[in-house]
Amino acid sequence: MHPAADSQNFMKDLVALLPRLRRFAMTLCPSAKAADEMVGAVSLRALAHGQPAADIRLDAWVYRLMRALRQESLVLAPESQSIEAAARIIPLPSGSSAAFLLVNVEKFSYEVAADILGIPHEAVMRQVAEARMSFAAQETKTFEKRA
């Protein structure tokens, strides 16, 4: 295939991932605006890097880029911003929202989700279980309020 065609297919595939990237960014960022900014930044980074090797899944690769970008932004953020952001993060146990989204919404295996998050797959399993228990507790509270 011609390099220009490969580049065009890469851009089309990246554009097709944007809704999923935004959904993942919402688990990493304190606000919709910050999530949108992260999606833009990771898209630019992916385009600058170029298409990954043929044996690498594009979606998992871009998710890893996003996670790395988020880690960089936390390191560089002033302490007051970090405290403010932490107060607004989705009220699930630490790390559980991203793991839950990758496994239950995006349908990644535990192993692929672990690779994206840079943690052991056992940790992903634990975080997904914690998220499910948190949701179950919320449902119980909602049911009790209705009764």
N, C-alpha and C. Protein backbone atom coordinates (compact mmCIF):
# COMPACT_ATOMS: atom_id res chain seq x y z
N MET A 1 0.85 -1.18 0.00
CA MET A 1 0.00 0.00 0.00
C MET A 1 0.89 1.24 0.00
N HIS A 2 0.41 2.28 -0.58
CA HIS A 2 1.13 3.55 -0.70
C HIS A 2 1.20 4.24 0.66
N PRO A 3 2.35 4.86 1.02
CA PRO A 3 2.47 5.53 2.33
C PRO A 3 1.40 6.59 2.57
N ALA A 4 1.00 7.33 1.54
CA ALA A 4 -0.04 8.36 1.72
C ALA A 4 -1.36 7.71 2.07
N ALA A 5 -1.66 6.56 1.47
CA ALA A 5 -2.90 5.85 1.78
C ALA A 5 -2.86 5.33 3.21
N ASP A 6 -1.70 4.80 3.63
CA ASP A 6 -1.56 4.35 5.02
C ASP A 6 -1.80 5.49 5.99
N SER A 7 -1.24 6.65 5.68
CA SER A 7 -1.39 7.82 6.53
C SER A 7 -2.85 8.25 6.60
N GLN A 8 -3.52 8.21 5.46
CA GLN A 8 -4.93 8.61 5.43
C GLN A 8 -5.79 7.62 6.22
N ASN A 9 -5.50 6.32 6.10
CA ASN A 9 -6.23 5.32 6.87
C ASN A 9 -5.98 5.49 8.36
N PHE A 10 -4.74 5.80 8.73
CA PHE A 10 -4.41 6.04 10.13
C PHE A 10 -5.23 7.19 10.68
N MET A 11 -5.32 8.28 9.93
CA MET A 11 -6.09 9.44 10.39
C MET A 11 -7.58 9.09 10.50
N LYS A 12 -8.11 8.34 9.55
CA LYS A 12 -9.52 7.94 9.61
C LYS A 12 -9.76 7.06 10.84
N ASP A 13 -8.86 6.12 11.07
CA ASP A 13 -9.00 5.24 12.23
C ASP A 13 -8.92 6.04 13.54
N LEU A 14 -8.04 7.01 13.57
CA LEU A 14 -7.90 7.85 14.76
C LEU A 14 -9.17 8.68 15.00
N VAL A 15 -9.72 9.23 13.95
CA VAL A 15 -10.97 10.00 14.06
C VAL A 15 -12.10 9.10 14.55
N ALA A 16 -12.14 7.87 14.07
CA ALA A 16 -13.19 6.93 14.51
C ALA A 16 -13.08 6.62 16.00
N LEU A 17 -11.89 6.72 16.55
CA LEU A 17 -11.67 6.45 17.98
C LEU A 17 -12.05 7.61 18.89
N LEU A 18 -12.27 8.80 18.35
CA LEU A 18 -12.47 9.99 19.18
C LEU A 18 -13.57 9.85 20.23
N PRO A 19 -14.76 9.31 19.91
CA PRO A 19 -15.77 9.18 20.97
C PRO A 19 -15.32 8.27 22.12
N ARG A 20 -14.63 7.19 21.78
CA ARG A 20 -14.14 6.28 22.82
C ARG A 20 -13.03 6.94 23.63
N LEU A 21 -12.17 7.71 22.95
CA LEU A 21 -11.10 8.42 23.66
C LEU A 21 -11.68 9.43 24.63
N ARG A 22 -12.72 10.13 24.22
CA ARG A 22 -13.34 11.12 25.11
C ARG A 22 -13.94 10.43 26.33
N ARG A 23 -14.59 9.30 26.10
CA ARG A 23 -15.18 8.56 27.22
C ARG A 23 -14.09 8.14 28.20
N PHE A 24 -12.96 7.66 27.69
CA PHE A 24 -11.85 7.26 28.56
C PHE A 24 -11.26 8.49 29.27
N ALA A 25 -11.14 9.58 28.54
CA ALA A 25 -10.60 10.81 29.13
C ALA A 25 -11.48 11.30 30.28
N MET A 26 -12.78 11.08 30.17
CA MET A 26 -13.70 11.51 31.24
C MET A 26 -13.41 10.76 32.55
N THR A 27 -12.83 9.55 32.46
CA THR A 27 -12.48 8.83 33.69
C THR A 27 -11.16 9.31 34.27
N LEU A 28 -10.37 10.00 33.46
CA LEU A 28 -9.05 10.45 33.90
C LEU A 28 -9.03 11.92 34.31
N CYS A 29 -9.99 12.70 33.84
CA CYS A 29 -9.96 14.16 34.01
C CYS A 29 -11.08 14.63 34.93
N PRO A 30 -10.87 15.78 35.56
CA PRO A 30 -11.84 16.30 36.51
C PRO A 30 -13.06 16.98 35.87
N SER A 31 -12.99 17.28 34.57
CA SER A 31 -14.11 17.98 33.93
C SER A 31 -14.18 17.61 32.46
N ALA A 32 -15.33 17.89 31.85
CA ALA A 32 -15.50 17.62 30.42
C ALA A 32 -14.53 18.47 29.60
N LYS A 33 -14.31 19.70 30.02
CA LYS A 33 -13.38 20.58 29.30
C LYS A 33 -11.97 20.00 29.32
N ALA A 34 -11.54 19.54 30.49
CA ALA A 34 -10.20 18.94 30.60
C ALA A 34 -10.11 17.67 29.77
N ALA A 35 -11.20 16.89 29.74
CA ALA A 35 -11.21 15.66 28.93
C ALA A 35 -11.08 16.00 27.45
N ASP A 36 -11.81 17.02 27.00
CA ASP A 36 -11.72 17.43 25.60
C ASP A 36 -10.31 17.90 25.25
N GLU A 37 -9.71 18.66 26.16
CA GLU A 37 -8.33 19.11 25.94
C GLU A 37 -7.37 17.93 25.86
N MET A 38 -7.60 16.93 26.72
CA MET A 38 -6.74 15.75 26.70
C MET A 38 -6.89 14.98 25.39
N VAL A 39 -8.11 14.84 24.91
CA VAL A 39 -8.34 14.14 23.63
C VAL A 39 -7.62 14.87 22.51
N GLY A 40 -7.70 16.19 22.50
CA GLY A 40 -6.99 16.97 21.49
C GLY A 40 -5.49 16.78 21.57
N ALA A 41 -4.96 16.82 22.79
CA ALA A 41 -3.51 16.68 22.99
C ALA A 41 -3.03 15.29 22.60
N VAL A 42 -3.79 14.26 22.97
CA VAL A 42 -3.36 12.90 22.64
C VAL A 42 -3.49 12.64 21.14
N SER A 43 -4.47 13.26 20.50
CA SER A 43 -4.61 13.13 19.05
C SER A 43 -3.41 13.75 18.34
N LEU A 44 -3.01 14.93 18.79
CA LEU A 44 -1.83 15.57 18.21
C LEU A 44 -0.57 14.73 18.44
N ARG A 45 -0.45 14.18 19.63
CA ARG A 45 0.71 13.34 19.94
C ARG A 45 0.73 12.09 19.06
N ALA A 46 -0.43 11.48 18.87
CA ALA A 46 -0.51 10.29 18.02
C ALA A 46 -0.15 10.62 16.58
N LEU A 47 -0.67 11.74 16.08
CA LEU A 47 -0.36 12.16 14.71
C LEU A 47 1.12 12.48 14.55
N ALA A 48 1.72 13.11 15.56
CA ALA A 48 3.14 13.44 15.50
C ALA A 48 4.00 12.17 15.52
N HIS A 49 3.56 11.19 16.28
CA HIS A 49 4.32 9.94 16.38
C HIS A 49 4.17 9.12 15.11
N GLY A 50 2.99 9.17 14.52
CA GLY A 50 2.74 8.38 13.31
C GLY A 50 2.13 7.04 13.66
N GLN A 51 1.75 6.34 12.64
CA GLN A 51 1.07 5.06 12.79
C GLN A 51 1.95 4.06 13.53
N PRO A 52 1.38 3.34 14.51
CA PRO A 52 2.17 2.34 15.22
C PRO A 52 2.44 1.13 14.31
N ALA A 53 3.30 0.25 14.76
CA ALA A 53 3.61 -0.96 14.00
C ALA A 53 2.34 -1.76 13.75
N ALA A 54 2.35 -2.55 12.69
CA ALA A 54 1.17 -3.30 12.27
C ALA A 54 0.68 -4.28 13.34
N ASP A 55 1.56 -4.77 14.19
CA ASP A 55 1.16 -5.75 15.20
C ASP A 55 0.63 -5.11 16.48
N ILE A 56 0.52 -3.79 16.52
CA ILE A 56 0.04 -3.07 17.70
C ILE A 56 -1.37 -2.55 17.44
N ARG A 57 -2.28 -2.84 18.38
CA ARG A 57 -3.66 -2.35 18.25
C ARG A 57 -3.67 -0.84 18.41
N LEU A 58 -4.25 -0.15 17.44
CA LEU A 58 -4.29 1.31 17.47
C LEU A 58 -5.02 1.81 18.71
N ASP A 59 -6.17 1.23 19.04
CA ASP A 59 -6.94 1.73 20.18
C ASP A 59 -6.15 1.59 21.49
N ALA A 60 -5.56 0.43 21.72
CA ALA A 60 -4.80 0.23 22.95
C ALA A 60 -3.59 1.17 22.99
N TRP A 61 -2.95 1.37 21.85
CA TRP A 61 -1.78 2.26 21.78
C TRP A 61 -2.16 3.70 22.13
N VAL A 62 -3.29 4.18 21.60
CA VAL A 62 -3.71 5.56 21.87
C VAL A 62 -4.16 5.70 23.33
N TYR A 63 -4.81 4.68 23.88
CA TYR A 63 -5.17 4.71 25.30
C TYR A 63 -3.92 4.82 26.16
N ARG A 64 -2.86 4.08 25.81
CA ARG A 64 -1.61 4.17 26.56
C ARG A 64 -1.01 5.57 26.45
N LEU A 65 -1.08 6.16 25.25
CA LEU A 65 -0.60 7.54 25.09
C LEU A 65 -1.37 8.48 26.01
N MET A 66 -2.69 8.28 26.10
CA MET A 66 -3.52 9.15 26.93
C MET A 66 -3.16 8.98 28.40
N ARG A 67 -2.98 7.75 28.83
CA ARG A 67 -2.62 7.51 30.23
C ARG A 67 -1.27 8.16 30.54
N ALA A 68 -0.32 8.04 29.64
CA ALA A 68 1.00 8.66 29.84
C ALA A 68 0.88 10.18 29.89
N LEU A 69 0.07 10.74 29.01
CA LEU A 69 -0.14 12.19 29.00
C LEU A 69 -0.76 12.65 30.31
N ARG A 70 -1.70 11.89 30.82
CA ARG A 70 -2.34 12.23 32.09
C ARG A 70 -1.32 12.20 33.23
N GLN A 71 -0.47 11.17 33.24
CA GLN A 71 0.56 11.08 34.27
C GLN A 71 1.50 12.28 34.20
N GLU A 72 1.88 12.67 32.99
CA GLU A 72 2.74 13.84 32.81
C GLU A 72 2.07 15.10 33.33
N SER A 73 0.78 15.25 33.04
CA SER A 73 0.08 16.46 33.47
C SER A 73 -0.06 16.51 34.99
N LEU A 74 -0.20 15.37 35.64
CA LEU A 74 -0.28 15.35 37.10
C LEU A 74 1.04 15.74 37.73
N VAL A 75 2.13 15.30 37.12
CA VAL A 75 3.46 15.64 37.64
C VAL A 75 3.72 17.13 37.49
N LEU A 76 3.27 17.71 36.36
CA LEU A 76 3.54 19.11 36.08
C LEU A 76 2.53 20.07 36.69
N ALA A 77 1.37 19.56 37.14
CA ALA A 77 0.31 20.43 37.65
C ALA A 77 0.70 21.02 39.01
N PRO A 78 0.36 22.29 39.22
CA PRO A 78 0.58 22.87 40.54
C PRO A 78 -0.23 22.10 41.58
N GLU A 79 0.23 22.10 42.82
CA GLU A 79 -0.42 21.32 43.86
C GLU A 79 -1.88 21.71 44.04
N SER A 80 -2.21 22.99 43.96
CA SER A 80 -3.61 23.40 44.14
C SER A 80 -4.49 22.82 43.05
N GLN A 81 -3.98 22.76 41.82
CA GLN A 81 -4.75 22.16 40.74
C GLN A 81 -4.95 20.68 40.99
N SER A 82 -3.92 19.99 41.47
CA SER A 82 -4.01 18.57 41.74
C SER A 82 -5.04 18.28 42.82
N ILE A 83 -5.06 19.10 43.87
CA ILE A 83 -6.03 18.92 44.94
C ILE A 83 -7.44 19.15 44.42
N GLU A 84 -7.62 20.21 43.64
CA GLU A 84 -8.93 20.51 43.07
C GLU A 84 -9.39 19.39 42.15
N ALA A 85 -8.49 18.89 41.33
CA ALA A 85 -8.83 17.81 40.40
C ALA A 85 -9.20 16.55 41.17
N ALA A 86 -8.44 16.23 42.20
CA ALA A 86 -8.71 15.03 42.97
C ALA A 86 -10.08 15.08 43.63
N ALA A 87 -10.52 16.27 44.02
CA ALA A 87 -11.83 16.41 44.66
C ALA A 87 -12.98 16.17 43.70
N ARG A 88 -12.71 16.30 42.38
CA ARG A 88 -13.78 16.15 41.39
C ARG A 88 -13.77 14.81 40.66
N ILE A 89 -12.78 13.97 40.94
CA ILE A 89 -12.68 12.70 40.22
C ILE A 89 -13.89 11.84 40.53
N ILE A 90 -14.30 11.06 39.55
CA ILE A 90 -15.45 10.16 39.69
C ILE A 90 -15.35 9.42 41.02
N PRO A 91 -16.44 9.38 41.79
CA PRO A 91 -16.38 8.82 43.15
C PRO A 91 -16.33 7.29 43.20
N LEU A 92 -15.41 6.71 42.49
CA LEU A 92 -15.16 5.28 42.57
C LEU A 92 -13.81 5.10 43.27
N PRO A 93 -13.57 3.91 43.80
CA PRO A 93 -12.25 3.67 44.40
C PRO A 93 -11.14 3.98 43.41
N SER A 94 -9.98 4.37 43.91
CA SER A 94 -8.85 4.81 43.10
C SER A 94 -8.56 3.87 41.94
N GLY A 95 -8.55 4.43 40.73
CA GLY A 95 -8.23 3.67 39.53
C GLY A 95 -9.36 2.83 38.98
N SER A 96 -10.40 2.65 39.77
CA SER A 96 -11.46 1.74 39.36
C SER A 96 -12.26 2.24 38.16
N SER A 97 -12.45 3.55 38.04
CA SER A 97 -13.27 4.05 36.94
C SER A 97 -12.63 3.75 35.59
N ALA A 98 -11.33 3.95 35.46
CA ALA A 98 -10.66 3.67 34.18
C ALA A 98 -10.68 2.17 33.89
N ALA A 99 -10.39 1.35 34.89
CA ALA A 99 -10.39 -0.10 34.68
C ALA A 99 -11.78 -0.59 34.31
N PHE A 100 -12.80 -0.09 35.00
CA PHE A 100 -14.18 -0.49 34.71
C PHE A 100 -14.57 -0.11 33.28
N LEU A 101 -14.24 1.10 32.87
CA LEU A 101 -14.57 1.54 31.52
C LEU A 101 -13.90 0.66 30.48
N LEU A 102 -12.62 0.40 30.64
CA LEU A 102 -11.89 -0.39 29.65
C LEU A 102 -12.44 -1.81 29.53
N VAL A 103 -12.77 -2.44 30.66
CA VAL A 103 -13.22 -3.83 30.64
C VAL A 103 -14.71 -3.94 30.29
N ASN A 104 -15.55 -3.15 30.94
CA ASN A 104 -16.99 -3.33 30.79
C ASN A 104 -17.62 -2.52 29.67
N VAL A 105 -17.05 -1.40 29.32
CA VAL A 105 -17.62 -0.57 28.27
C VAL A 105 -16.89 -0.78 26.95
N GLU A 106 -15.56 -0.69 26.99
CA GLU A 106 -14.77 -0.85 25.77
C GLU A 106 -14.53 -2.31 25.41
N LYS A 107 -14.84 -3.22 26.32
CA LYS A 107 -14.74 -4.67 26.10
C LYS A 107 -13.32 -5.16 25.87
N PHE A 108 -12.33 -4.49 26.48
CA PHE A 108 -10.96 -5.00 26.44
C PHE A 108 -10.86 -6.15 27.43
N SER A 109 -9.98 -7.10 27.15
CA SER A 109 -9.71 -8.16 28.11
C SER A 109 -8.98 -7.54 29.31
N TYR A 110 -8.95 -8.28 30.41
CA TYR A 110 -8.22 -7.79 31.58
C TYR A 110 -6.74 -7.57 31.23
N GLU A 111 -6.19 -8.45 30.40
CA GLU A 111 -4.77 -8.34 30.04
C GLU A 111 -4.50 -7.08 29.23
N VAL A 112 -5.36 -6.78 28.25
CA VAL A 112 -5.16 -5.58 27.42
C VAL A 112 -5.38 -4.33 28.27
N ALA A 113 -6.41 -4.35 29.12
CA ALA A 113 -6.65 -3.21 30.01
C ALA A 113 -5.46 -3.00 30.94
N ALA A 114 -4.88 -4.08 31.43
CA ALA A 114 -3.70 -3.97 32.30
C ALA A 114 -2.54 -3.36 31.54
N ASP A 115 -2.37 -3.74 30.29
CA ASP A 115 -1.30 -3.18 29.46
C ASP A 115 -1.53 -1.68 29.26
N ILE A 116 -2.76 -1.29 28.99
CA ILE A 116 -3.09 0.12 28.78
C ILE A 116 -2.80 0.92 30.05
N LEU A 117 -3.21 0.38 31.20
CA LEU A 117 -3.07 1.10 32.46
C LEU A 117 -1.68 0.94 33.08
N GLY A 118 -0.89 0.01 32.55
CA GLY A 118 0.46 -0.19 33.07
C GLY A 118 0.49 -0.83 34.45
N ILE A 119 -0.48 -1.72 34.70
CA ILE A 119 -0.55 -2.41 35.99
C ILE A 119 -0.77 -3.90 35.74
N PRO A 120 -0.55 -4.76 36.75
CA PRO A 120 -0.79 -6.20 36.57
C PRO A 120 -2.28 -6.47 36.33
N HIS A 121 -2.56 -7.56 35.59
CA HIS A 121 -3.98 -7.84 35.29
C HIS A 121 -4.77 -8.18 36.55
N GLU A 122 -4.10 -8.68 37.58
CA GLU A 122 -4.79 -8.94 38.84
C GLU A 122 -5.29 -7.64 39.45
N ALA A 123 -4.52 -6.57 39.31
CA ALA A 123 -4.94 -5.26 39.82
C ALA A 123 -6.16 -4.75 39.06
N VAL A 124 -6.19 -5.00 37.74
CA VAL A 124 -7.36 -4.60 36.95
C VAL A 124 -8.58 -5.37 37.43
N MET A 125 -8.42 -6.67 37.65
CA MET A 125 -9.54 -7.48 38.14
C MET A 125 -10.06 -6.93 39.47
N ARG A 126 -9.14 -6.58 40.37
CA ARG A 126 -9.53 -6.04 41.67
C ARG A 126 -10.26 -4.70 41.51
N GLN A 127 -9.73 -3.83 40.65
CA GLN A 127 -10.33 -2.51 40.46
C GLN A 127 -11.72 -2.62 39.83
N VAL A 128 -11.88 -3.52 38.88
CA VAL A 128 -13.20 -3.72 38.26
C VAL A 128 -14.18 -4.24 39.31
N ALA A 129 -13.73 -5.18 40.14
CA ALA A 129 -14.60 -5.70 41.21
C ALA A 129 -14.98 -4.58 42.18
N GLU A 130 -14.02 -3.73 42.54
CA GLU A 130 -14.31 -2.60 43.43
C GLU A 130 -15.35 -1.66 42.81
N ALA A 131 -15.21 -1.39 41.52
CA ALA A 131 -16.16 -0.51 40.84
C ALA A 131 -17.55 -1.14 40.85
N ARG A 132 -17.62 -2.43 40.56
CA ARG A 132 -18.92 -3.12 40.56
C ARG A 132 -19.56 -3.08 41.94
N MET A 133 -18.74 -3.29 42.97
CA MET A 133 -19.28 -3.24 44.34
C MET A 133 -19.75 -1.83 44.68
N SER A 134 -19.03 -0.83 44.22
CA SER A 134 -19.43 0.55 44.45
C SER A 134 -20.77 0.84 43.78
N PHE A 135 -20.92 0.36 42.53
CA PHE A 135 -22.19 0.54 41.84
C PHE A 135 -23.32 -0.20 42.56
N ALA A 136 -23.03 -1.40 43.04
CA ALA A 136 -24.04 -2.17 43.77
C ALA A 136 -24.45 -1.43 45.04
N ALA A 137 -23.50 -0.84 45.74
CA ALA A 137 -23.81 -0.08 46.95
C ALA A 137 -24.67 1.13 46.62
N GLN A 138 -24.38 1.79 45.50
CA GLN A 138 -25.19 2.94 45.08
C GLN A 138 -26.61 2.50 44.77
N GLU A 139 -26.75 1.35 44.12
CA GLU A 139 -28.08 0.83 43.80
C GLU A 139 -28.85 0.51 45.07
N THR A 140 -28.18 -0.07 46.07
CA THR A 140 -28.83 -0.40 47.33
C THR A 140 -29.33 0.87 48.01
N LYS A 141 -28.52 1.92 48.01
CA LYS A 141 -28.92 3.19 48.62
C LYS A 141 -30.12 3.78 47.88
N THR A 142 -30.11 3.69 46.55
CA THR A 142 -31.23 4.21 45.76
C THR A 142 -32.49 3.43 46.07
N PHE A 143 -32.38 2.10 46.17
CA PHE A 143 -33.54 1.27 46.47
C PHE A 143 -34.08 1.59 47.85
N GLU A 144 -33.19 1.78 48.83
CA GLU A 144 -33.63 2.11 50.19
C GLU A 144 -34.34 3.45 50.23
N LYS A 145 -33.91 4.41 49.42
CA LYS A 145 -34.57 5.72 49.39
C LYS A 145 -35.98 5.60 48.82
N ARG A 146 -36.17 4.69 47.86
CA ARG A 146 -37.49 4.52 47.24
C ARG A 146 -38.46 3.81 48.18
N ALA A 147 -37.95 2.96 49.06
CA ALA A 147 -38.80 2.13 49.92
C ALA A 147 -39.44 2.90 51.01
